[in-house]
Protein backbone atom coordinates (compact mmCIF):
# COMPACT_ATOMS: atom_id res chain seq x y z
CA UNK A 1 -14.16 1.89 -21.70
CA UNK A 2 -15.66 -1.53 -20.69
CA UNK A 3 -16.61 -2.69 -17.21
CA UNK A 4 -15.10 0.22 -15.16
CA UNK A 5 -17.03 2.87 -17.11
CA UNK A 6 -20.08 0.40 -17.17
CA UNK A 7 -20.03 0.65 -13.29
CA UNK A 8 -20.03 4.41 -13.30
CA UNK A 9 -22.69 4.60 -15.81
CA UNK A 10 -24.94 1.88 -13.84
CA UNK A 11 -24.67 4.11 -10.78
CA UNK A 12 -25.46 7.21 -12.54
CA UNK A 13 -28.75 5.40 -13.79
CA UNK A 14 -29.50 4.15 -10.46
CA UNK A 15 -29.11 7.73 -9.09
CA UNK A 16 -31.60 9.11 -11.53
CA UNK A 17 -34.22 6.61 -10.16
CA UNK A 18 -33.39 7.07 -6.37
CA UNK A 19 -35.51 9.46 -4.26
CA UNK A 20 -34.60 12.98 -3.29
CA UNK A 21 -3.34 1.49 4.03
CA UNK A 22 12.28 -1.56 7.13
CA UNK A 23 11.28 0.21 3.89
CA UNK A 24 12.53 -2.52 1.60
CA UNK A 25 10.00 -5.05 3.28
CA UNK A 26 7.04 -2.51 3.95
CA UNK A 27 5.54 -0.79 1.08
CA UNK A 28 5.23 2.55 2.14
CA UNK A 29 1.83 4.20 1.06
CA UNK A 30 3.36 7.53 0.87
CA UNK A 31 6.03 6.68 -1.69
CA UNK A 32 4.01 5.82 -4.78
CA UNK A 33 0.90 7.14 -6.57
CA UNK A 34 -1.78 5.13 -7.87
CA UNK A 35 -1.31 1.86 -6.14
CA UNK A 36 -3.69 -0.53 -4.38
CA UNK A 37 -2.91 -2.85 -1.56
CA UNK A 38 -4.10 -4.66 1.59
CA UNK A 39 -3.20 -3.57 4.94
CA UNK A 40 -3.66 -4.45 8.74
CA UNK A 41 -5.62 -1.15 9.16
CA UNK A 42 -7.58 1.40 7.27
CA UNK A 43 -4.89 3.73 7.39
CA UNK A 44 -2.15 1.53 5.87
CA UNK A 45 -0.19 0.82 8.81
CA UNK A 46 1.08 -2.63 8.01
CA UNK A 47 1.37 -5.21 5.07
CA UNK A 48 1.97 -8.49 7.24
CA UNK A 49 1.09 -10.41 10.29
CA UNK A 50 3.54 -13.08 11.81
CA UNK A 51 0.66 -15.50 12.68
CA UNK A 52 -3.04 -15.81 13.03
CA UNK A 53 -5.02 -18.41 15.23
CA UNK A 54 -7.24 -20.52 13.11
CA UNK A 55 -10.94 -19.79 13.34
CA UNK A 56 -10.31 -16.34 14.63
CA UNK A 57 -11.88 -13.46 12.65
CA UNK A 58 -9.59 -10.81 11.36
CA UNK A 59 -9.87 -7.76 9.00
CA UNK A 60 -7.78 -6.72 6.06
CA UNK A 61 -8.27 -3.43 4.27
CA UNK A 62 -7.92 -2.60 0.62
CA UNK A 63 -6.58 0.78 0.20
CA UNK A 64 -5.89 3.18 -2.66
CA UNK A 65 -2.68 4.91 -2.15
CA UNK A 66 -2.19 8.64 -3.32
CA UNK A 67 -4.83 8.81 -6.20
CA UNK A 68 -3.11 11.15 -8.86
CA UNK A 69 -4.65 12.67 -11.96
CA UNK A 70 -2.63 12.82 -15.33
CA UNK A 71 -1.34 16.50 -14.30
CA UNK A 72 0.02 15.06 -11.09
CA UNK A 73 -2.66 16.62 -8.85
CA UNK A 74 -4.11 14.74 -5.88
CA UNK A 75 -7.74 13.58 -6.97
CA UNK A 76 -10.95 11.88 -5.93
CA UNK A 77 -11.88 8.51 -7.57
CA UNK A 78 -15.32 7.23 -8.56
CA UNK A 79 -14.49 3.87 -9.97
CA UNK A 80 -11.66 1.16 -9.74
CA UNK A 81 -10.74 -2.11 -11.33
CA UNK A 82 -8.65 -5.13 -10.12
CA UNK A 83 -8.43 -8.82 -8.97
CA UNK A 84 -7.67 -10.29 -5.84
CA UNK A 85 -6.06 -13.81 -5.57
CA UNK A 86 -5.41 -15.51 -2.28
CA UNK A 87 -3.02 -18.38 -1.69
CA UNK A 88 -1.97 -20.68 1.18
CA UNK A 89 -3.86 -22.33 3.90
CA UNK A 90 -7.60 -22.81 3.86
CA UNK A 91 -9.72 -19.60 4.64
CA UNK A 92 -13.02 -17.95 4.53
CA UNK A 93 -14.23 -14.53 3.80
CA UNK A 94 -16.95 -13.98 6.16
CA UNK A 95 -17.83 -10.62 5.02
CA UNK A 96 -16.97 -8.01 2.64
CA UNK A 97 -17.77 -4.17 2.81
CA UNK A 98 -17.32 -1.90 -0.11
CA UNK A 99 -16.74 1.56 0.98
CA UNK A 100 -17.64 4.86 -0.70
CA UNK A 101 -21.11 6.37 -1.69
CA UNK A 102 -23.28 3.79 -3.26
CA UNK A 103 -20.47 1.49 -4.21
CA UNK A 104 -21.45 -0.97 -6.88
CA UNK A 105 -19.48 -4.04 -8.11
CA UNK A 106 -20.34 -5.07 -11.67
CA UNK A 107 -17.66 -7.81 -11.95
CA UNK A 108 -19.47 -11.18 -11.77
CA UNK A 109 -16.07 -12.92 -11.05
CA UNK A 110 -15.63 -13.84 -7.52
CA UNK A 111 -12.16 -12.30 -7.14
CA UNK A 112 -12.80 -9.32 -9.45
CA UNK A 113 -13.66 -5.75 -8.87
CA UNK A 114 -15.35 -3.31 -11.38
CA UNK A 115 -16.63 -0.85 -8.63
CA UNK A 116 -18.41 2.35 -9.34
CA UNK A 117 -19.15 4.97 -6.83
CA UNK A 118 -22.25 7.23 -6.88
CA UNK A 119 -20.12 10.19 -5.97
CA UNK A 120 -16.27 10.54 -6.13
CA UNK A 121 -14.36 9.44 -3.06
CA UNK A 122 -11.64 12.06 -2.04
CA UNK A 123 -8.56 10.75 -0.40
CA UNK A 124 -7.85 11.27 3.26
CA UNK A 125 -4.22 11.75 4.09
CA UNK A 126 -3.53 10.50 0.71
CA UNK A 127 -5.62 7.17 1.14
CA UNK A 128 -8.78 6.05 -0.02
CA UNK A 129 -10.39 3.01 1.77
CA UNK A 130 -12.00 0.85 -1.01
CA UNK A 131 -13.12 -2.30 0.94
CA UNK A 132 -12.84 -4.23 4.23
CA UNK A 133 -12.57 -7.92 4.43
CA UNK A 134 -13.48 -9.98 7.35
CA UNK A 135 -11.54 -13.33 7.20
CA UNK A 136 -10.78 -16.54 8.96
CA UNK A 137 -8.18 -19.08 8.44
CA UNK A 138 -9.12 -22.89 9.04
CA UNK A 139 -5.49 -23.81 9.29
CA UNK A 140 -2.15 -22.15 10.72
CA UNK A 141 -0.34 -19.82 8.41
CA UNK A 142 3.60 -20.14 8.80
CA UNK A 143 6.73 -19.02 7.01
CA UNK A 144 6.64 -22.41 5.28
CA UNK A 145 3.20 -21.99 4.29
CA UNK A 146 2.19 -18.23 4.31
CA UNK A 147 -1.48 -16.89 3.55
CA UNK A 148 -0.54 -14.49 0.78
CA UNK A 149 -2.79 -11.93 -1.06
CA UNK A 150 -1.90 -10.81 -4.67
CA UNK A 151 -3.55 -8.12 -6.75
CA UNK A 152 -3.59 -7.97 -10.44
CA UNK A 153 -5.51 -6.32 -13.59
CA UNK A 154 -9.41 -6.51 -13.81
CA UNK A 155 -10.83 -9.70 -15.36
CA UNK A 156 -11.31 -7.53 -18.41
CA UNK A 157 -8.71 -5.09 -18.24
CA UNK A 158 -9.77 -1.45 -19.19
CA UNK A 159 -6.32 -0.05 -19.79
CA UNK A 160 -3.83 -1.23 -22.29
CA UNK A 161 -1.06 -3.43 -21.15
CA UNK A 162 -3.20 -5.29 -18.54
CA UNK A 163 -2.85 -3.10 -15.77
CA UNK A 164 -5.20 -2.23 -12.72
CA UNK A 165 -7.15 0.87 -13.08
CA UNK A 166 -8.93 3.80 -11.45
CA UNK A 167 -11.42 6.47 -12.77
CA UNK A 168 -10.71 10.02 -11.85
CA UNK A 169 -13.30 12.25 -13.13
CA UNK A 170 -11.18 15.43 -13.16
CA UNK A 171 -8.35 13.69 -15.23
CA UNK A 172 -7.69 13.52 -18.78
CA UNK A 173 -7.72 10.65 -19.65
CA UNK A 174 -10.23 9.44 -17.09
CA UNK A 175 -8.85 6.09 -16.63
CA UNK A 176 -5.40 6.01 -14.89
CA UNK A 177 -3.34 2.83 -14.81
CA UNK A 178 -2.35 1.32 -11.40
CA UNK A 179 -0.05 -1.19 -9.64
CA UNK A 180 -0.36 -3.23 -6.70
CA UNK A 181 1.54 -1.67 -3.60
CA UNK A 182 4.15 -4.44 -4.02
CA UNK A 183 5.18 -2.93 -7.46
CA UNK A 184 4.77 -6.32 -9.15
CA UNK A 185 1.80 -8.69 -9.81
CA UNK A 186 4.19 -11.60 -8.83
CA UNK A 187 4.63 -10.21 -5.34
CA UNK A 188 1.99 -10.48 -2.57
CA UNK A 189 0.56 -7.09 -1.15
CA UNK A 190 -0.23 -8.87 2.12
CA UNK A 191 0.98 -11.88 4.01
CA UNK A 192 0.23 -13.84 7.22
CA UNK A 193 3.44 -15.61 8.19
CA UNK A 194 5.47 -14.54 5.14
CA UNK A 195 7.45 -11.29 3.98
CA UNK A 196 6.03 -8.71 1.89
CA UNK A 197 8.84 -6.94 -0.25
CA UNK A 198 8.23 -4.10 -2.50
CA UNK A 199 9.74 -4.10 -5.92
CA UNK A 200 11.49 -0.68 -5.87
CA UNK A 201 12.83 -0.78 -9.46
CA UNK A 202 9.53 -0.14 -10.94
CA UNK A 203 9.40 3.32 -12.56
CA UNK A 204 5.62 4.26 -12.61
CA UNK A 205 6.36 7.31 -14.80
CA UNK A 206 7.82 5.00 -17.33
CA UNK A 207 4.52 2.76 -17.08
CA UNK A 208 2.33 5.76 -17.50
CA UNK A 209 4.29 6.87 -20.49
CA UNK A 210 2.97 3.84 -22.37
CA UNK A 211 -0.50 5.18 -22.50
CA UNK A 212 0.21 8.61 -23.72
């Protein structure tokens, strides 16, 4: 199953060698299953900031909302696959922290993730914190020039149709397709100086039906 399962297998091999985040404008993490986005907190409390002083560090948090197995049950995840694209004013990512036991990213692309975990990560209150970015803008963001974050499928998608993906070890099939929290790859999941609007017309049940 391409890179995503490779990440899981790589971690398994390593373990054998090792010693003994107004409703229309704010995507609500409680509403949809199997969606990934960026938030102002690790508990998915906000998807935008009105402004940010340049050369001031700030955190954004990549959060998986309501990981759900094929049978509809809440489930732990042991791998995920996606890309992140940022547009707008110049910026720097100062640090990145991957969350989860033994998290290993095998995607060589700078904006790509094909991450496997040494052990499954269960959701807490429906959320899994996948990664934390500490960033800094070098120019102001505004409504005329917002700093936007978009999410998309992995560099080599592991599920049909070019969707993001998570791996749920208790599910059949293991790989479950995902969407960004905005509901649309063309809509930002996070913004400084702009507005984040969820595409509420997406029927994820219909999307999942494509893979059955």
